[in-house]
C-alpha atoms as a PDB file:
ATOM      1  CA  MET A   1     -84.326 -64.511-147.863  1.00  0.00           C
ATOM      2  CA  THR A   2     -81.224 -65.262-145.792  1.00  0.00           C
ATOM      3  CA  ILE A   3     -81.753 -67.853-143.080  1.00  0.00           C
ATOM      4  CA  GLY A   4     -78.286 -67.898-141.582  1.00  0.00           C
ATOM      5  CA  TYR A   5     -74.601 -67.705-142.323  1.00  0.00           C
ATOM      6  CA  TRP A   6     -71.420 -69.576-141.509  1.00  0.00           C
ATOM      7  CA  ARG A   7     -68.499 -68.021-139.776  1.00  0.00           C
ATOM      8  CA  THR A   8     -65.111 -69.717-139.782  1.00  0.00           C
ATOM      9  CA  VAL A   9     -62.980 -69.201-136.699  1.00  0.00           C
ATOM     10  CA  LYS A  10     -59.375 -70.263-136.923  1.00  0.00           C
ATOM     11  CA  PHE A  11     -57.101 -70.725-133.939  1.00  0.00           C
ATOM     12  CA  SER A  12     -53.389 -71.123-134.502  1.00  0.00           C
ATOM     13  CA  GLY A  13     -52.587 -72.197-130.948  1.00  0.00           C
ATOM     14  CA  ALA A  14     -49.824 -69.614-130.813  1.00  0.00           C
ATOM     15  CA  LEU A  15     -49.341 -67.573-127.681  1.00  0.00           C
ATOM     16  CA  PRO A  16     -49.626 -63.794-127.772  1.00  0.00           C
ATOM     17  CA  ALA A  17     -46.306 -61.952-127.882  1.00  0.00           C
ATOM     18  CA  ARG A  18     -46.952 -60.472-124.423  1.00  0.00           C
ATOM     19  CA  ARG A  19     -47.309 -63.954-122.887  1.00  0.00           C
ATOM     20  CA  ILE A  20     -44.185 -65.224-124.675  1.00  0.00           C
ATOM     21  CA  ASN A  21     -42.171 -62.267-123.366  1.00  0.00           C
ATOM     22  CA  GLU A  22     -43.503 -62.917-119.857  1.00  0.00           C
ATOM     23  CA  LEU A  23     -42.407 -66.559-120.030  1.00  0.00           C
ATOM     24  CA  LEU A  24     -38.994 -65.654-121.440  1.00  0.00           C
ATOM     25  CA  GLN A  25     -38.447 -63.124-118.663  1.00  0.00           C
ATOM     26  CA  ARG A  26     -39.258 -65.769-116.030  1.00  0.00           C
ATOM     27  CA  VAL A  27     -36.872 -68.237-117.680  1.00  0.00           C
ATOM     28  CA  GLU A  28     -34.105 -65.612-117.632  1.00  0.00           C
ATOM     29  CA  ILE A  29     -34.730 -64.932-113.928  1.00  0.00           C
ATOM     30  CA  LEU A  30     -34.594 -68.661-113.287  1.00  0.00           C
ATOM     31  CA  GLN A  31     -31.322 -68.984-115.226  1.00  0.00           C
ATOM     32  CA  GLN A  32     -29.771 -66.216-113.141  1.00  0.00           C
ATOM     33  CA  ALA A  33     -30.951 -67.893-109.943  1.00  0.00           C
ATOM     34  CA  VAL A  34     -29.452 -71.220-111.045  1.00  0.00           C
ATOM     35  CA  MET A  35     -26.118 -69.578-111.871  1.00  0.00           C
ATOM     36  CA  PHE A  36     -26.073 -67.929-108.442  1.00  0.00           C
ATOM     37  CA  ALA A  37     -27.052 -71.183-106.730  1.00  0.00           C
ATOM     38  CA  ARG A  38     -24.274 -73.087-108.509  1.00  0.00           C
ATOM     39  CA  GLU A  39     -21.700 -70.546-107.366  1.00  0.00           C
ATOM     40  CA  GLU A  40     -22.952 -70.718-103.787  1.00  0.00           C
ATOM     41  CA  ALA A  41     -23.231 -74.522-103.837  1.00  0.00           C
ATOM     42  CA  ASN A  42     -19.504 -74.928-104.281  1.00  0.00           C
ATOM     43  CA  ASN A  43     -19.026 -74.066-100.620  1.00  0.00           C
ATOM     44  CA  SER A  44     -22.242 -75.518 -99.208  1.00  0.00           C
ATOM     45  CA  GLU A  45     -23.649 -78.881 -98.329  1.00  0.00           C
ATOM     46  CA  VAL A  46     -26.684 -79.602-100.498  1.00  0.00           C
ATOM     47  CA  GLU A  47     -29.783 -81.488 -99.408  1.00  0.00           C
ATOM     48  CA  GLU A  48     -31.884 -83.298-101.997  1.00  0.00           C
ATOM     49  CA  GLN A  49     -35.156 -81.519-102.755  1.00  0.00           C
ATOM     50  CA  ARG A  50     -37.803 -81.849-105.420  1.00  0.00           C
ATOM     51  CA  VAL A  51     -37.912 -78.490-107.125  1.00  0.00           C
ATOM     52  CA  GLY A  52     -39.264 -79.343-110.586  1.00  0.00           C
ATOM     53  CA  GLU A  53     -42.874 -78.560-109.678  1.00  0.00           C
ATOM     54  CA  ARG A  54     -41.911 -75.234-108.116  1.00  0.00           C
ATOM     55  CA  ILE A  55     -39.929 -74.274-111.200  1.00  0.00           C
ATOM     56  CA  PHE A  56     -42.849 -74.967-113.540  1.00  0.00           C
ATOM     57  CA  GLN A  57     -45.221 -73.091-111.224  1.00  0.00           C
ATOM     58  CA  PHE A  58     -42.859 -70.099-111.313  1.00  0.00           C
ATOM     59  CA  ILE A  59     -42.625 -70.103-115.106  1.00  0.00           C
ATOM     60  CA  PHE A  60     -46.274 -70.807-115.940  1.00  0.00           C
ATOM     61  CA  ARG A  61     -48.106 -68.993-113.149  1.00  0.00           C
END
C-alpha cells in the first residue's frame, strides 16, 4: 500500500530566454538613447538629474 510519494522540484534561478531577450532589447534601446543624448549634449547646457531609478524601471518593467 502506497501512502505517499516525494517529488523533487529543482529551480535553477535562470531567466527564460524570452525574458533575457526582452531585457537585452531594452538595454540596446537605452544604449542608443545614451549615444544620441551624448551627441546632443555637446551643444546643450545640462542640468543635474537623478535618472538611475528611471533607467532601472525602464529595463526591468
